[in-house]
């Protein structure tokens, strides 16, 4: 495999109401270090699916984690207070973390959502990733900020939104998970040849969990081989890095680690 190719390994922090918190904290710390040792990027989610989880800054302080330059990416959404938002960014900067994926986010009624005025965007009706990207660029210019790209949205709507994200300062995009060649990703690469694109590969065999996102009827017994799919995406989009979601650390990770870098015995 090409050793210059970058893999983003999704990491979901422990939930705040976890019944096995100590065990999950220990596992997170071990995986965080291993991902970096492998030469990959630890991509840490932000209250995924609107479920309250610990923030990376809390885990860094509590577990004494050591982020390595350019090997950590923080997802950051709009469901935070202004105080917490700035603390996340200041803490990341102090620990040498430069990569941010700005998202509108999956919130809930229990979560505070940033108001446009707080991000110096009073003209906006609601706060989206566009306002967040612009705010980070204005006050934290050292960060490399990326955005999401959803190839399942109506194309003209999604590409218009992408234009706003790029105008606000987005420097790269991460797609939603795709299976095989995707017409909208092809268009993205064709129309934005200088924009780094990270293609997401779904690493769970339960492809039906993506039925709503992909707007397809996917039966639970649909035969899906994540490792074969990753290889296919690498062949179709050789110039793109990959984001791996729902990876299996016991079975898939050792194989990927060996194939891409061979750093472990």
Protein backbone atom coordinates (compact mmCIF):
# COMPACT_ATOMS: atom_id res chain seq x y z
CA UNK A 1 0.00 0.00 0.00
CA UNK A 2 1.08 3.60 -0.54
CA UNK A 3 2.74 4.74 2.67
CA UNK A 4 1.84 8.37 1.98
CA UNK A 5 -1.86 7.52 2.09
CA UNK A 6 -3.56 8.76 5.25
CA UNK A 7 -6.23 6.91 7.20
CA UNK A 8 -8.55 8.72 9.58
CA UNK A 9 -9.73 6.31 12.27
CA UNK A 10 -12.99 7.35 13.88
CA UNK A 11 -12.98 7.40 17.67
CA UNK A 12 -16.11 7.88 19.77
CA UNK A 13 -15.39 9.05 23.33
CA UNK A 14 -17.14 7.32 26.24
CA UNK A 15 -20.68 8.50 26.95
CA UNK A 16 -21.13 10.55 30.08
CA UNK A 17 -23.68 8.06 31.43
CA UNK A 18 -21.55 4.99 30.70
CA UNK A 19 -21.99 2.11 33.11
CA UNK A 20 -18.44 0.89 32.39
CA UNK A 21 -16.65 4.22 32.42
CA UNK A 22 -13.27 3.11 33.76
CA UNK A 23 -13.07 0.30 31.24
CA UNK A 24 -14.05 2.57 28.37
CA UNK A 25 -11.61 5.29 29.40
CA UNK A 26 -8.75 2.80 29.48
CA UNK A 27 -9.75 1.43 26.08
CA UNK A 28 -9.97 4.93 24.59
CA UNK A 29 -6.49 5.80 25.84
CA UNK A 30 -4.99 2.60 24.43
CA UNK A 31 -6.61 3.08 21.03
CA UNK A 32 -5.72 6.77 20.87
CA UNK A 33 -2.05 5.96 21.34
CA UNK A 34 -2.09 2.96 19.02
CA UNK A 35 -3.68 4.91 16.17
CA UNK A 36 -0.95 7.51 16.42
CA UNK A 37 1.79 4.89 16.66
CA UNK A 38 0.44 3.38 13.45
CA UNK A 39 0.87 6.69 11.67
CA UNK A 40 -2.86 7.22 11.30
CA UNK A 41 -5.07 10.15 12.37
CA UNK A 42 -7.30 9.78 15.42
CA UNK A 43 -10.58 11.43 14.39
CA UNK A 44 -12.57 12.13 17.54
CA UNK A 45 -16.33 12.67 17.30
CA UNK A 46 -18.33 15.35 19.11
CA UNK A 47 -21.48 14.06 20.84
CA UNK A 48 -22.24 11.78 17.89
CA UNK A 49 -25.96 11.15 17.27
CA UNK A 50 -26.74 13.83 19.85
CA UNK A 51 -25.60 11.65 22.75
CA UNK A 52 -23.58 13.41 25.42
CA UNK A 53 -20.02 12.13 25.54
CA UNK A 54 -16.80 13.36 27.05
CA UNK A 55 -14.89 15.95 25.06
CA UNK A 56 -11.35 15.23 23.93
CA UNK A 57 -9.94 18.03 26.07
CA UNK A 58 -11.40 16.32 29.14
CA UNK A 59 -9.86 13.00 28.12
CA UNK A 60 -6.47 14.57 27.39
CA UNK A 61 -6.38 16.09 30.87
CA UNK A 62 -7.82 13.11 32.74
CA UNK A 63 -5.87 10.38 30.93
CA UNK A 64 -2.73 12.43 30.25
CA UNK A 65 -2.96 11.74 26.54
CA UNK A 66 -0.26 13.08 24.26
CA UNK A 67 -1.57 14.26 20.87
CA UNK A 68 1.05 14.12 18.14
CA UNK A 69 1.34 16.88 15.54
CA UNK A 70 -1.09 16.40 12.67
CA UNK A 71 -2.29 13.02 13.97
CA UNK A 72 -5.44 14.17 15.74
CA UNK A 73 -8.59 15.62 14.21
CA UNK A 74 -11.36 17.04 16.39
CA UNK A 75 -14.96 17.06 15.23
CA UNK A 76 -16.60 20.25 16.46
CA UNK A 77 -20.27 21.07 16.12
CA UNK A 78 -22.57 23.97 16.97
CA UNK A 79 -24.14 22.39 20.06
CA UNK A 80 -21.95 24.04 22.69
CA UNK A 81 -22.00 27.16 24.77
CA UNK A 82 -19.69 29.90 23.54
CA UNK A 83 -17.52 29.41 26.62
CA UNK A 84 -17.08 25.69 25.94
CA UNK A 85 -16.47 26.29 22.23
CA UNK A 86 -13.60 28.67 22.93
CA UNK A 87 -12.18 26.39 25.61
CA UNK A 88 -12.15 23.45 23.17
CA UNK A 89 -10.30 25.52 20.59
CA UNK A 90 -7.85 27.07 23.03
CA UNK A 91 -7.09 23.71 24.64
CA UNK A 92 -6.56 22.08 21.24
CA UNK A 93 -4.21 24.86 20.16
CA UNK A 94 -2.24 24.58 23.39
CA UNK A 95 -1.77 20.85 22.78
CA UNK A 96 -0.62 21.21 19.19
CA UNK A 97 -3.84 19.96 17.59
CA UNK A 98 -4.40 21.79 14.30
CA UNK A 99 -7.12 19.83 12.51
CA UNK A 100 -10.81 20.57 13.00
CA UNK A 101 -13.84 19.14 11.21
CA UNK A 102 -16.59 21.76 11.59
CA UNK A 103 -20.12 20.38 11.60
CA UNK A 104 -23.60 21.69 12.23
CA UNK A 105 -23.99 18.57 14.36
CA UNK A 106 -26.54 16.19 15.80
CA UNK A 107 -27.95 17.94 18.80
CA UNK A 108 -30.85 17.40 21.13
CA UNK A 109 -33.25 19.53 23.10
CA UNK A 110 -31.02 19.08 26.14
CA UNK A 111 -28.04 20.67 24.41
CA UNK A 112 -27.36 24.36 24.06
CA UNK A 113 -27.00 25.49 20.45
CA UNK A 114 -24.77 28.41 19.59
CA UNK A 115 -26.66 31.46 18.40
CA UNK A 116 -25.59 33.29 15.23
CA UNK A 117 -24.77 36.43 17.21
CA UNK A 118 -22.30 34.47 19.34
CA UNK A 119 -20.37 33.57 16.20
CA UNK A 120 -20.55 37.14 14.94
CA UNK A 121 -23.06 36.24 12.23
CA UNK A 122 -26.26 38.14 13.12
CA UNK A 123 -27.42 37.91 9.50
CA UNK A 124 -27.78 34.11 9.74
CA UNK A 125 -31.19 32.66 10.59
CA UNK A 126 -29.63 29.67 12.37
CA UNK A 127 -26.09 28.63 13.22
CA UNK A 128 -24.56 26.13 10.80
CA UNK A 129 -21.11 24.82 10.07
CA UNK A 130 -20.59 27.80 7.74
CA UNK A 131 -20.74 30.28 10.62
CA UNK A 132 -18.58 27.99 12.75
CA UNK A 133 -15.91 27.69 10.05
CA UNK A 134 -15.83 31.44 9.59
CA UNK A 135 -15.58 32.09 13.34
CA UNK A 136 -12.69 29.66 13.78
CA UNK A 137 -10.82 31.16 10.83
CA UNK A 138 -11.29 34.66 12.21
CA UNK A 139 -10.18 33.99 15.78
CA UNK A 140 -8.08 30.81 15.51
CA UNK A 141 -6.33 31.10 12.13
CA UNK A 142 -3.74 28.42 12.93
CA UNK A 143 -6.33 25.65 12.61
CA UNK A 144 -6.87 23.71 9.39
CA UNK A 145 -10.66 23.49 9.21
CA UNK A 146 -12.59 21.02 7.12
CA UNK A 147 -16.23 20.40 6.30
CA UNK A 148 -18.58 17.51 5.59
CA UNK A 149 -19.90 16.62 2.14
CA UNK A 150 -23.10 14.60 1.75
CA UNK A 151 -23.35 12.95 -1.70
CA UNK A 152 -26.91 11.84 -0.96
CA UNK A 153 -28.36 15.34 -0.75
CA UNK A 154 -29.76 16.96 -3.92
CA UNK A 155 -26.59 17.85 -5.83
CA UNK A 156 -27.28 21.53 -6.49
CA UNK A 157 -28.20 22.06 -2.84
CA UNK A 158 -25.10 20.26 -1.54
CA UNK A 159 -22.68 21.91 -3.95
CA UNK A 160 -24.10 25.34 -3.18
CA UNK A 161 -23.59 24.63 0.51
CA UNK A 162 -20.06 23.45 -0.20
CA UNK A 163 -19.33 26.75 -1.93
CA UNK A 164 -20.41 28.61 1.22
CA UNK A 165 -18.21 26.39 3.38
CA UNK A 166 -15.19 26.97 1.16
CA UNK A 167 -15.85 30.70 1.08
CA UNK A 168 -15.97 30.64 4.89
CA UNK A 169 -12.55 28.97 5.00
CA UNK A 170 -12.92 25.17 4.71
CA UNK A 171 -9.68 23.62 3.47
CA UNK A 172 -10.78 19.99 2.94
CA UNK A 173 -13.90 17.82 3.01
CA UNK A 174 -14.84 14.44 4.44
CA UNK A 175 -17.67 12.64 2.69
CA UNK A 176 -20.46 10.60 4.12
CA UNK A 177 -19.80 6.85 3.69
CA UNK A 178 -20.05 5.67 0.10
CA UNK A 179 -20.12 2.22 -1.47
CA UNK A 180 -18.26 1.93 -4.76
CA UNK A 181 -18.03 4.74 -7.28
CA UNK A 182 -20.23 7.71 -6.46
CA UNK A 183 -21.32 10.22 -9.10
CA UNK A 184 -21.33 13.17 -6.70
CA UNK A 185 -17.88 12.37 -5.35
CA UNK A 186 -16.69 12.13 -8.95
CA UNK A 187 -18.14 15.57 -9.60
CA UNK A 188 -16.58 16.91 -6.41
CA UNK A 189 -13.13 15.75 -7.49
CA UNK A 190 -13.65 17.03 -11.01
CA UNK A 191 -14.85 20.51 -10.05
CA UNK A 192 -12.51 21.00 -7.07
CA UNK A 193 -9.24 19.34 -8.15
CA UNK A 194 -7.17 21.20 -5.54
CA UNK A 195 -9.48 20.46 -2.60
CA UNK A 196 -8.33 17.51 -0.46
CA UNK A 197 -11.14 14.95 -0.27
CA UNK A 198 -11.31 12.23 2.39
CA UNK A 199 -13.66 9.43 1.36
CA UNK A 200 -15.49 7.66 4.16
CA UNK A 201 -15.67 3.87 4.21
CA UNK A 202 -18.24 2.13 6.41
CA UNK A 203 -16.38 -0.63 8.25
CA UNK A 204 -19.36 -2.36 9.86
CA UNK A 205 -20.85 -5.36 8.09
CA UNK A 206 -24.26 -3.93 9.02
CA UNK A 207 -24.71 -1.85 5.92
CA UNK A 208 -28.43 -1.56 6.58
CA UNK A 209 -27.63 0.97 9.32
CA UNK A 210 -26.90 3.41 6.49
CA UNK A 211 -30.25 2.88 4.78
CA UNK A 212 -31.62 6.27 5.89
CA UNK A 213 -28.47 8.15 4.92
CA UNK A 214 -28.21 6.48 1.53
CA UNK A 215 -31.98 6.58 1.01
CA UNK A 216 -32.02 2.95 -0.04
CA UNK A 217 -33.82 -0.16 1.11
CA UNK A 218 -30.95 -2.26 2.48
CA UNK A 219 -31.96 -5.61 4.05
CA UNK A 220 -30.29 -6.69 7.29
CA UNK A 221 -28.76 -9.73 5.61
CA UNK A 222 -27.21 -7.74 2.75
CA UNK A 223 -23.75 -9.24 2.07
CA UNK A 224 -21.21 -6.48 2.66
CA UNK A 225 -17.46 -6.94 3.08
CA UNK A 226 -15.94 -3.76 4.59
CA UNK A 227 -12.33 -4.75 3.93
CA UNK A 228 -13.07 -5.45 0.28
CA UNK A 229 -14.96 -2.16 0.07
CA UNK A 230 -11.98 -0.25 1.47
CA UNK A 231 -9.75 -1.83 -1.14
CA UNK A 232 -12.22 -0.94 -3.89
CA UNK A 233 -12.46 2.68 -2.76
CA UNK A 234 -8.66 2.88 -2.69
CA UNK A 235 -8.59 1.66 -6.30
CA UNK A 236 -11.38 3.98 -7.47
CA UNK A 237 -10.10 7.06 -5.63
CA UNK A 238 -6.34 6.52 -5.28
CA UNK A 239 -5.61 10.20 -4.61
CA UNK A 240 -8.04 10.42 -1.69
CA UNK A 241 -7.41 9.53 1.92
CA UNK A 242 -10.01 7.46 3.76
CA UNK A 243 -12.08 7.94 6.89
CA UNK A 244 -12.91 4.64 8.57
CA UNK A 245 -16.10 4.57 10.63
CA UNK A 246 -17.20 1.74 12.92
CA UNK A 247 -13.90 -0.07 12.59
CA UNK A 248 -13.44 -3.42 14.33
CA UNK A 249 -10.35 -3.11 16.50
CA UNK A 250 -9.95 -6.84 17.17
CA UNK A 251 -10.26 -8.10 13.61
CA UNK A 252 -10.01 -5.27 11.08
CA UNK A 253 -7.54 -2.91 12.68
CA UNK A 254 -4.56 -5.30 12.86
CA UNK A 255 -5.00 -6.16 9.18
CA UNK A 256 -5.28 -2.50 8.16
CA UNK A 257 -2.32 -1.62 10.33
CA UNK A 258 -0.20 -4.29 8.65
CA UNK A 259 -1.36 -3.50 5.11
CA UNK A 260 -0.87 0.23 5.32
CA UNK A 261 2.22 0.54 7.48
CA UNK A 262 3.33 -2.81 8.85
CA UNK A 263 4.56 -1.13 12.03
CA UNK A 264 3.32 -3.84 14.37
CA UNK A 265 4.39 -7.43 14.62
